[in-house]
Amino acid sequence: MQVLITIVGNRRFALDCADVLEVLPVVDHRSAGTGPAWLLGLINVHGQLLPLVDLSVIVDSTSTVPRLASRIVVLGLDGGLFDGASTKVGLLVPDIAGPLERDFSGGGAHTGFAFAGASHLGPTIADGDGMVQLLRCRRLLEGDVALRELPLPGRNSP
């Protein structure tokens, strides 16, 4: 599988390239001012306003401090997360490398730990740079009820 690798804290994570629409430099965003800690606000991507989410808050409970290597990964999410509607979400990551080939289903992979609130954490493998864990992008936010409150592109607010 092709993945992008990012480091949050001292842990390496992989994002499946099948969920990645594009990778952008960090851009200004309009602050949400309220909501869950992981929701930074809105960004303008090619004329479409997208929610901007901080990956570091989700996986490490710390905020990403934007720097030159930081990126926004635009993810395509669909299905049950958004009441059947497809949408895009910007994911702020501290840095990014790839695309790289990694096999998370082969021998030596650890399937991960299954517990409530961590369905986004996938299998872990060891490679030449240490351990790396697959993040299930489509499940990154599904455990948070606040997700249902996100404004969706193309959907009018009440």
C-alpha atoms as a PDB file:
ATOM      1  CA  MET A   1       0.000   0.000   0.000  1.00  0.00           C
ATOM      2  CA  GLN A   2       1.202   3.525  -0.708  1.00  0.00           C
ATOM      3  CA  VAL A   3       1.305   5.727   2.374  1.00  0.00           C
ATOM      4  CA  LEU A   4       2.423   9.133   3.574  1.00  0.00           C
ATOM      5  CA  ILE A   5       4.410   9.094   6.814  1.00  0.00           C
ATOM      6  CA  THR A   6       4.138  11.750   9.528  1.00  0.00           C
ATOM      7  CA  ILE A   7       5.635  11.994  12.996  1.00  0.00           C
ATOM      8  CA  VAL A   8       3.497  13.142  15.922  1.00  0.00           C
ATOM      9  CA  GLY A   9       5.382  13.434  19.193  1.00  0.00           C
ATOM     10  CA  ASN A  10       7.903  10.650  18.861  1.00  0.00           C
ATOM     11  CA  ARG A  11       5.574   8.224  17.050  1.00  0.00           C
ATOM     12  CA  ARG A  12       5.421   7.571  13.300  1.00  0.00           C
ATOM     13  CA  PHE A  13       2.052   7.229  11.587  1.00  0.00           C
ATOM     14  CA  ALA A  14       1.071   6.266   8.040  1.00  0.00           C
ATOM     15  CA  LEU A  15      -1.833   7.743   6.065  1.00  0.00           C
ATOM     16  CA  ASP A  16      -3.204   5.563   3.252  1.00  0.00           C
ATOM     17  CA  CYS A  17      -2.729   7.431  -0.040  1.00  0.00           C
ATOM     18  CA  ALA A  18      -6.094   6.046  -1.220  1.00  0.00           C
ATOM     19  CA  ASP A  19      -7.740   8.562   1.169  1.00  0.00           C
ATOM     20  CA  VAL A  20      -5.464  11.491   0.228  1.00  0.00           C
ATOM     21  CA  LEU A  21      -6.732  13.921  -2.401  1.00  0.00           C
ATOM     22  CA  GLU A  22      -3.859  16.396  -2.212  1.00  0.00           C
ATOM     23  CA  VAL A  23      -1.119  17.747   0.036  1.00  0.00           C
ATOM     24  CA  LEU A  24      -0.893  21.508   0.554  1.00  0.00           C
ATOM     25  CA  PRO A  25       1.439  23.876   2.364  1.00  0.00           C
ATOM     26  CA  VAL A  26       0.011  25.334   5.556  1.00  0.00           C
ATOM     27  CA  VAL A  27      -2.383  28.178   4.791  1.00  0.00           C
ATOM     28  CA  ASP A  28      -4.220  30.639   6.975  1.00  0.00           C
ATOM     29  CA  HIS A  29      -7.470  29.399   8.428  1.00  0.00           C
ATOM     30  CA  ARG A  30     -10.505  30.966  10.017  1.00  0.00           C
ATOM     31  CA  SER A  31     -10.607  29.844  13.621  1.00  0.00           C
ATOM     32  CA  ALA A  32     -13.601  27.808  14.726  1.00  0.00           C
ATOM     33  CA  GLY A  33     -13.610  29.644  18.048  1.00  0.00           C
ATOM     34  CA  THR A  34     -15.593  26.774  19.569  1.00  0.00           C
ATOM     35  CA  GLY A  35     -16.038  23.048  19.244  1.00  0.00           C
ATOM     36  CA  PRO A  36     -13.732  20.119  19.884  1.00  0.00           C
ATOM     37  CA  ALA A  37     -10.022  20.767  20.475  1.00  0.00           C
ATOM     38  CA  TRP A  38      -9.069  19.007  17.211  1.00  0.00           C
ATOM     39  CA  LEU A  39     -11.164  21.394  15.080  1.00  0.00           C
ATOM     40  CA  LEU A  40      -8.988  24.363  14.110  1.00  0.00           C
ATOM     41  CA  GLY A  41     -11.521  26.031  11.813  1.00  0.00           C
ATOM     42  CA  LEU A  42     -12.012  26.397   8.063  1.00  0.00           C
ATOM     43  CA  ILE A  43      -9.598  26.650   5.150  1.00  0.00           C
ATOM     44  CA  ASN A  44     -10.236  27.713   1.566  1.00  0.00           C
ATOM     45  CA  VAL A  45      -9.139  25.019  -0.893  1.00  0.00           C
ATOM     46  CA  HIS A  46      -9.779  25.954  -4.525  1.00  0.00           C
ATOM     47  CA  GLY A  47     -12.819  28.025  -3.528  1.00  0.00           C
ATOM     48  CA  GLN A  48     -14.295  25.342  -1.263  1.00  0.00           C
ATOM     49  CA  LEU A  49     -14.348  25.850   2.515  1.00  0.00           C
ATOM     50  CA  LEU A  50     -13.182  22.735   4.358  1.00  0.00           C
ATOM     51  CA  PRO A  51     -12.915  21.888   8.061  1.00  0.00           C
ATOM     52  CA  LEU A  52      -9.293  21.921   9.269  1.00  0.00           C
ATOM     53  CA  VAL A  53      -8.429  19.259  11.830  1.00  0.00           C
ATOM     54  CA  ASP A  54      -5.228  18.944  13.896  1.00  0.00           C
ATOM     55  CA  LEU A  55      -3.914  15.367  13.771  1.00  0.00           C
ATOM     56  CA  SER A  56      -1.637  15.932  16.767  1.00  0.00           C
ATOM     57  CA  VAL A  57      -4.618  16.670  19.019  1.00  0.00           C
ATOM     58  CA  ILE A  58      -6.327  13.441  17.923  1.00  0.00           C
ATOM     59  CA  VAL A  59      -3.369  11.089  18.415  1.00  0.00           C
ATOM     60  CA  ASP A  60      -1.252  12.856  21.043  1.00  0.00           C
ATOM     61  CA  SER A  61      -3.485  15.438  22.795  1.00  0.00           C
ATOM     62  CA  THR A  62      -1.029  18.201  21.839  1.00  0.00           C
ATOM     63  CA  SER A  63      -1.374  20.927  19.228  1.00  0.00           C
ATOM     64  CA  THR A  64       0.682  21.020  16.052  1.00  0.00           C
ATOM     65  CA  VAL A  65       2.979  24.025  15.999  1.00  0.00           C
ATOM     66  CA  PRO A  66       3.113  24.883  12.283  1.00  0.00           C
ATOM     67  CA  ARG A  67       6.617  25.047  10.828  1.00  0.00           C
ATOM     68  CA  LEU A  68       8.166  24.920   7.380  1.00  0.00           C
ATOM     69  CA  ALA A  69       7.764  21.112   7.092  1.00  0.00           C
ATOM     70  CA  SER A  70       4.099  21.127   8.217  1.00  0.00           C
ATOM     71  CA  ARG A  71       1.456  20.289   5.642  1.00  0.00           C
ATOM     72  CA  ILE A  72      -2.292  20.070   5.207  1.00  0.00           C
ATOM     73  CA  VAL A  73      -3.375  16.698   3.850  1.00  0.00           C
ATOM     74  CA  VAL A  74      -6.773  16.930   2.164  1.00  0.00           C
ATOM     75  CA  LEU A  75      -8.670  13.721   2.845  1.00  0.00           C
ATOM     76  CA  GLY A  76     -11.738  12.446   1.049  1.00  0.00           C
ATOM     77  CA  LEU A  77     -14.167  11.009   3.602  1.00  0.00           C
ATOM     78  CA  ASP A  78     -17.508   9.441   2.865  1.00  0.00           C
ATOM     79  CA  GLY A  79     -20.243   7.174   4.133  1.00  0.00           C
ATOM     80  CA  GLY A  80     -21.640   6.985   7.634  1.00  0.00           C
ATOM     81  CA  LEU A  81     -19.377   9.687   9.030  1.00  0.00           C
ATOM     82  CA  PHE A  82     -21.333  12.396   7.275  1.00  0.00           C
ATOM     83  CA  ASP A  83     -24.818  10.892   7.025  1.00  0.00           C
ATOM     84  CA  GLY A  84     -24.022   9.347   3.643  1.00  0.00           C
ATOM     85  CA  ALA A  85     -22.591  12.563   2.180  1.00  0.00           C
ATOM     86  CA  SER A  86     -19.058  12.738   0.833  1.00  0.00           C
ATOM     87  CA  THR A  87     -16.850  15.538   2.025  1.00  0.00           C
ATOM     88  CA  LYS A  88     -13.274  16.685   2.279  1.00  0.00           C
ATOM     89  CA  VAL A  89     -11.347  17.503   5.431  1.00  0.00           C
ATOM     90  CA  GLY A  90      -7.997  19.248   5.795  1.00  0.00           C
ATOM     91  CA  LEU A  91      -5.681  17.427   8.211  1.00  0.00           C
ATOM     92  CA  LEU A  92      -2.839  19.484   9.674  1.00  0.00           C
ATOM     93  CA  VAL A  93       0.253  17.283  10.121  1.00  0.00           C
ATOM     94  CA  PRO A  94       3.628  18.277  11.622  1.00  0.00           C
ATOM     95  CA  ASP A  95       5.539  16.957   8.585  1.00  0.00           C
ATOM     96  CA  ILE A  96       5.142  14.468   5.746  1.00  0.00           C
ATOM     97  CA  ALA A  97       7.249  11.970   3.800  1.00  0.00           C
ATOM     98  CA  GLY A  98       6.319   9.810   0.863  1.00  0.00           C
ATOM     99  CA  PRO A  99       4.601   8.336  -0.899  1.00  0.00           C
ATOM    100  CA  LEU A 100       6.231   5.136   0.334  1.00  0.00           C
ATOM    101  CA  GLU A 101       5.297   1.469  -0.022  1.00  0.00           C
ATOM    102  CA  ARG A 102       4.475  -0.317   3.234  1.00  0.00           C
ATOM    103  CA  ASP A 103       2.740  -3.663   3.920  1.00  0.00           C
ATOM    104  CA  PHE A 104       0.519  -3.569   7.000  1.00  0.00           C
ATOM    105  CA  SER A 105      -1.004  -7.004   6.399  1.00  0.00           C
ATOM    106  CA  GLY A 106       2.143  -9.113   6.006  1.00  0.00           C
ATOM    107  CA  GLY A 107       4.059 -11.249   8.450  1.00  0.00           C
ATOM    108  CA  GLY A 108       5.438  -9.358  11.417  1.00  0.00           C
ATOM    109  CA  ALA A 109       2.614  -6.789  11.484  1.00  0.00           C
ATOM    110  CA  HIS A 110       0.843  -6.274  14.802  1.00  0.00           C
ATOM    111  CA  THR A 111      -2.898  -5.878  14.241  1.00  0.00           C
ATOM    112  CA  GLY A 112      -3.256  -3.176  16.871  1.00  0.00           C
ATOM    113  CA  PHE A 113      -5.272  -2.883  20.034  1.00  0.00           C
ATOM    114  CA  ALA A 114      -9.056  -2.764  19.827  1.00  0.00           C
ATOM    115  CA  PHE A 115     -10.669  -0.492  22.396  1.00  0.00           C
ATOM    116  CA  ALA A 116     -13.360   2.175  22.421  1.00  0.00           C
ATOM    117  CA  GLY A 117     -12.375   5.501  20.956  1.00  0.00           C
ATOM    118  CA  ALA A 118      -9.378   4.189  19.000  1.00  0.00           C
ATOM    119  CA  SER A 119     -10.885   2.701  15.848  1.00  0.00           C
ATOM    120  CA  HIS A 120      -8.591   5.009  13.854  1.00  0.00           C
ATOM    121  CA  LEU A 121      -5.482   3.156  15.075  1.00  0.00           C
ATOM    122  CA  GLY A 122      -4.571   0.394  12.661  1.00  0.00           C
ATOM    123  CA  PRO A 123      -1.806  -2.186  12.484  1.00  0.00           C
ATOM    124  CA  THR A 124       1.821  -1.428  13.321  1.00  0.00           C
ATOM    125  CA  ILE A 125       4.890  -2.603  11.428  1.00  0.00           C
ATOM    126  CA  ALA A 126       8.641  -2.203  11.793  1.00  0.00           C
ATOM    127  CA  ASP A 127      10.634  -0.782   8.900  1.00  0.00           C
ATOM    128  CA  GLY A 128      14.152   0.583   8.479  1.00  0.00           C
ATOM    129  CA  ASP A 129      13.289   3.720  10.478  1.00  0.00           C
ATOM    130  CA  GLY A 130      11.515   2.053  13.415  1.00  0.00           C
ATOM    131  CA  MET A 131       7.847   1.349  14.032  1.00  0.00           C
ATOM    132  CA  VAL A 132       5.029   2.941  12.070  1.00  0.00           C
ATOM    133  CA  GLN A 133       1.294   2.646  12.724  1.00  0.00           C
ATOM    134  CA  LEU A 134      -1.391   2.909  10.071  1.00  0.00           C
ATOM    135  CA  LEU A 135      -4.056   5.529  10.718  1.00  0.00           C
ATOM    136  CA  ARG A 136      -7.453   4.639   9.343  1.00  0.00           C
ATOM    137  CA  CYS A 137      -8.245   8.091   7.947  1.00  0.00           C
ATOM    138  CA  ARG A 138     -11.939   7.411   7.517  1.00  0.00           C
ATOM    139  CA  ARG A 139     -12.169   6.607  11.217  1.00  0.00           C
ATOM    140  CA  LEU A 140     -10.085   9.491  12.585  1.00  0.00           C
ATOM    141  CA  LEU A 141     -13.083  11.493  13.731  1.00  0.00           C
ATOM    142  CA  GLU A 142     -15.931   9.007  13.917  1.00  0.00           C
ATOM    143  CA  GLY A 143     -15.744   8.526  17.686  1.00  0.00           C
ATOM    144  CA  ASP A 144     -16.416  12.206  18.345  1.00  0.00           C
ATOM    145  CA  VAL A 145     -20.064  13.259  18.528  1.00  0.00           C
ATOM    146  CA  ALA A 146     -18.972  16.819  17.692  1.00  0.00           C
ATOM    147  CA  LEU A 147     -18.212  15.623  14.165  1.00  0.00           C
ATOM    148  CA  ARG A 148     -21.929  15.618  13.425  1.00  0.00           C
ATOM    149  CA  GLU A 149     -21.892  19.379  13.973  1.00  0.00           C
ATOM    150  CA  LEU A 150     -19.321  20.103  11.243  1.00  0.00           C
ATOM    151  CA  PRO A 151     -20.661  22.172   8.365  1.00  0.00           C
ATOM    152  CA  LEU A 152     -20.498  20.144   5.152  1.00  0.00           C
ATOM    153  CA  PRO A 153     -19.609  21.720   1.820  1.00  0.00           C
ATOM    154  CA  GLY A 154     -22.768  22.110  -0.223  1.00  0.00           C
ATOM    155  CA  ARG A 155     -25.100  21.647   2.751  1.00  0.00           C
ATOM    156  CA  ASN A 156     -26.942  24.724   3.959  1.00  0.00           C
ATOM    157  CA  SER A 157     -26.909  25.494   7.649  1.00  0.00           C
ATOM    158  CA  PRO A 158     -30.266  25.742   9.439  1.00  0.00           C
END
